């Protein structure tokens, strides 16, 4: 099971800020959320696993915390 934290527009699309997902090895989080929530597939977001920014191809393990964050800027 993977804990998924959603922020900003992503949380609005999904209607919640926290999801617990049990993912098969062949399905990505993005594919799962795109299938479940219309409009998710059009979103751009940064990905953090266990509070470290990562690429979208990073493998997940049971118990990981995944945060999906819309683009941000600032100084």
Protein backbone atom coordinates (compact mmCIF):
# COMPACT_ATOMS: atom_id res chain seq x y z
CA UNK A 1 0.00 0.00 0.00
CA UNK A 2 1.25 3.49 -0.91
CA UNK A 3 0.14 6.69 0.82
CA UNK A 4 -0.54 9.43 -1.78
CA UNK A 5 -0.68 13.07 -0.67
CA UNK A 6 -2.38 15.42 -3.15
CA UNK A 7 -1.98 19.19 -3.21
CA UNK A 8 -3.66 22.13 -4.95
CA UNK A 9 -5.60 21.39 -8.13
CA UNK A 10 -4.77 17.68 -7.86
CA UNK A 11 -6.60 17.44 -4.51
CA UNK A 12 -9.56 19.30 -6.02
CA UNK A 13 -9.78 16.92 -8.99
CA UNK A 14 -9.63 13.87 -6.74
CA UNK A 15 -11.91 15.36 -4.09
CA UNK A 16 -9.48 14.48 -1.31
CA UNK A 17 -5.98 15.23 -0.08
CA UNK A 18 -5.01 11.68 0.91
CA UNK A 19 -5.37 8.35 -0.88
CA UNK A 20 -4.17 4.90 0.07
CA UNK A 21 -3.43 2.86 -3.07
CA UNK A 22 -2.57 -0.77 -3.50
CA UNK A 23 -0.79 -0.83 -6.86
CA UNK A 24 -0.01 -3.79 -9.04
CA UNK A 25 3.60 -3.84 -10.25
CA UNK A 26 2.53 -2.97 -13.79
CA UNK A 27 0.39 0.09 -13.04
CA UNK A 28 1.71 3.57 -12.29
CA UNK A 29 0.09 5.93 -9.80
CA UNK A 30 -0.56 8.39 -12.63
CA UNK A 31 -2.32 5.73 -14.72
CA UNK A 32 -4.44 4.65 -11.75
CA UNK A 33 -5.48 8.22 -10.87
CA UNK A 34 -6.10 9.14 -14.52
CA UNK A 35 -8.48 6.19 -14.85
CA UNK A 36 -10.31 7.03 -11.64
CA UNK A 37 -10.48 10.85 -11.87
CA UNK A 38 -11.35 12.56 -15.18
CA UNK A 39 -9.03 15.48 -15.84
CA UNK A 40 -6.12 14.10 -13.82
CA UNK A 41 -4.23 12.99 -16.95
CA UNK A 42 -3.94 16.62 -18.12
CA UNK A 43 -2.19 17.80 -14.96
CA UNK A 44 1.48 18.62 -14.55
CA UNK A 45 3.01 17.92 -11.15
CA UNK A 46 6.21 17.38 -9.21
CA UNK A 47 6.70 14.06 -7.44
CA UNK A 48 8.27 13.37 -4.07
CA UNK A 49 8.75 9.94 -2.53
CA UNK A 50 9.44 9.90 1.19
CA UNK A 51 10.04 13.68 1.06
CA UNK A 52 12.64 13.52 -1.74
CA UNK A 53 11.92 14.93 -5.22
CA UNK A 54 12.12 12.13 -7.79
CA UNK A 55 11.38 11.43 -11.46
CA UNK A 56 8.13 9.83 -12.58
CA UNK A 57 9.94 6.54 -13.28
CA UNK A 58 10.97 6.02 -9.65
CA UNK A 59 9.95 2.61 -8.33
CA UNK A 60 7.67 2.55 -5.30
CA UNK A 61 7.68 0.13 -2.40
CA UNK A 62 4.94 -0.77 0.04
CA UNK A 63 4.80 1.83 2.79
CA UNK A 64 6.17 4.69 0.66
CA UNK A 65 4.69 8.16 0.98
CA UNK A 66 4.12 9.76 -2.41
CA UNK A 67 3.39 13.49 -2.70
CA UNK A 68 2.03 14.95 -5.95
CA UNK A 69 2.41 18.72 -6.12
CA UNK A 70 1.39 21.20 -8.82
CA UNK A 71 4.13 23.43 -10.25
CA UNK A 72 5.34 26.10 -7.88
CA UNK A 73 7.62 29.09 -8.11
CA UNK A 74 8.94 31.69 -5.77
CA UNK A 75 12.08 32.93 -4.27
